Amino acid sequence: MNLACKFTITLLFPFLFASNSFCENGKSDNWFAKDKLQHFAVSTFYSGGIAVAANRHFDLNESKSLKLGIGITISLGAGKEVYDSYKPKETSSIKDFIWDLAGVALGAVIAGSII
């Protein structure tokens, strides 16, 4: 694993285990809330999982696999925020999408080290 991958994992890894003491349960849009951790974790899982599956099951090379995982996951995250903006009881948030992007980056780094 190269230095950039190690740095990215080291930088983003603590967010996976953020304690609930940093989380708010209300509708406020804090940077460190339970829903942000969920956005991060799901995006990490999807981007990495899709990339590895594309490489192993569809015989795509590393570059194409990573692009597919990143593209699909970013599309899902953006789509969720657009969908939330039209639901009266949900809140669309740029902070949610930024956490999605951070999760996508970590998932891609992990998948790149596996592939």
Protein backbone atom coordinates (compact mmCIF):
# COMPACT_ATOMS: atom_id res chain seq x y z
CA MET A 1 0.00 0.00 0.00
CA ASN A 2 1.47 3.36 -0.96
CA LEU A 3 1.88 6.37 1.31
CA ALA A 4 -1.23 8.18 -0.02
CA CYS A 5 -3.41 5.18 0.78
CA LYS A 6 -2.00 4.90 4.30
CA PHE A 7 -2.49 8.61 4.89
CA THR A 8 -6.11 8.50 3.69
CA ILE A 9 -6.94 5.52 5.86
CA THR A 10 -5.24 7.08 8.88
CA LEU A 11 -7.09 10.34 8.35
CA LEU A 12 -10.55 8.86 7.84
CA PHE A 13 -10.42 5.75 10.05
CA PRO A 14 -11.29 7.49 13.36
CA PHE A 15 -14.59 8.69 11.91
CA LEU A 16 -15.75 5.08 11.60
CA PHE A 17 -15.64 4.72 15.35
CA ALA A 18 -16.92 8.12 16.41
CA SER A 19 -18.68 7.68 19.71
CA ASN A 20 -22.34 8.47 20.22
CA SER A 21 -21.30 11.25 22.59
CA PHE A 22 -20.57 13.33 19.47
CA CYS A 23 -23.96 12.55 17.95
CA GLU A 24 -27.09 14.59 18.18
CA ASN A 25 -30.50 12.95 18.01
CA GLY A 26 -32.45 16.01 16.94
CA LYS A 27 -33.03 17.48 13.49
CA SER A 28 -30.00 19.76 13.73
CA ASP A 29 -27.40 19.26 11.02
CA ASN A 30 -24.16 18.80 12.94
CA TRP A 31 -20.94 17.65 11.29
CA PHE A 32 -20.58 14.81 13.80
CA ALA A 33 -23.96 13.14 14.12
CA LYS A 34 -25.19 9.57 13.95
CA ASP A 35 -26.55 10.03 10.42
CA LYS A 36 -23.18 11.34 9.21
CA LEU A 37 -21.50 8.17 10.47
CA GLN A 38 -24.15 6.15 8.65
CA HIS A 39 -23.59 8.06 5.39
CA PHE A 40 -19.83 7.51 5.73
CA ALA A 41 -20.07 3.80 6.55
CA VAL A 42 -22.60 2.94 3.83
CA SER A 43 -20.65 4.87 1.18
CA THR A 44 -17.43 3.14 2.21
CA PHE A 45 -19.09 -0.27 2.00
CA TYR A 46 -20.79 0.40 -1.35
CA SER A 47 -17.85 1.96 -3.18
CA GLY A 48 -15.38 -0.65 -2.01
CA GLY A 49 -17.77 -3.55 -2.43
CA ILE A 50 -18.84 -2.58 -5.92
CA ALA A 51 -15.25 -2.09 -7.04
CA VAL A 52 -14.07 -5.44 -5.68
CA ALA A 53 -17.13 -7.26 -7.08
CA ALA A 54 -16.66 -5.64 -10.50
CA ASN A 55 -13.02 -6.70 -10.55
CA ARG A 56 -13.56 -10.27 -9.39
CA HIS A 57 -16.88 -11.17 -10.96
CA PHE A 58 -16.96 -9.09 -14.12
CA ASP A 59 -13.23 -9.17 -14.89
CA LEU A 60 -12.84 -5.40 -15.06
CA ASN A 61 -9.36 -4.02 -14.49
CA GLU A 62 -8.54 -2.09 -11.32
CA SER A 63 -9.09 1.35 -12.82
CA LYS A 64 -12.48 0.55 -14.34
CA SER A 65 -13.61 -1.27 -11.18
CA LEU A 66 -12.73 1.69 -8.98
CA LYS A 67 -14.41 4.14 -11.35
CA LEU A 68 -17.57 2.02 -11.35
CA GLY A 69 -17.66 1.77 -7.55
CA ILE A 70 -17.02 5.48 -7.11
CA GLY A 71 -19.51 6.53 -9.80
CA ILE A 72 -22.38 4.37 -8.61
CA THR A 73 -21.90 5.32 -4.97
CA ILE A 74 -21.67 9.06 -5.64
CA SER A 75 -24.79 8.80 -7.78
CA LEU A 76 -26.65 7.02 -4.98
CA GLY A 77 -25.56 9.63 -2.42
CA ALA A 78 -26.53 12.54 -4.64
CA GLY A 79 -29.82 10.86 -5.52
CA LYS A 80 -30.62 10.36 -1.83
CA GLU A 81 -30.03 14.04 -1.09
CA VAL A 82 -32.21 15.12 -4.04
CA TYR A 83 -34.93 12.70 -2.87
CA ASP A 84 -34.68 14.06 0.69
CA SER A 85 -35.09 17.62 -0.60
CA TYR A 86 -38.57 16.72 -1.88
CA LYS A 87 -39.74 14.86 1.23
CA PRO A 88 -41.29 17.18 3.82
CA LYS A 89 -40.11 15.15 6.84
CA GLU A 90 -36.53 14.67 5.60
CA THR A 91 -33.66 17.14 5.46
CA SER A 92 -31.35 17.38 2.49
CA SER A 93 -27.84 18.25 3.59
CA ILE A 94 -24.58 19.11 1.89
CA LYS A 95 -22.86 17.81 5.03
CA ASP A 96 -24.42 14.38 4.42
CA PHE A 97 -23.09 14.42 0.88
CA ILE A 98 -19.60 15.44 2.03
CA TRP A 99 -19.59 12.48 4.41
CA ASP A 100 -20.73 10.32 1.48
CA LEU A 101 -17.73 11.54 -0.51
CA ALA A 102 -15.35 10.82 2.37
CA GLY A 103 -16.76 7.30 2.61
CA VAL A 104 -16.40 6.82 -1.13
CA ALA A 105 -12.74 7.85 -0.91
CA LEU A 106 -12.01 5.40 1.90
CA GLY A 107 -13.88 2.61 0.12
CA ALA A 108 -11.87 3.22 -3.03
CA VAL A 109 -8.60 3.16 -1.10
CA ILE A 110 -9.52 -0.09 0.63
CA ALA A 111 -10.72 -1.66 -2.64
CA GLY A 112 -7.54 -0.50 -4.40
CA SER A 113 -5.46 -2.28 -1.78
CA ILE A 114 -7.52 -5.48 -2.16
CA ILE A 115 -7.71 -5.63 -5.96
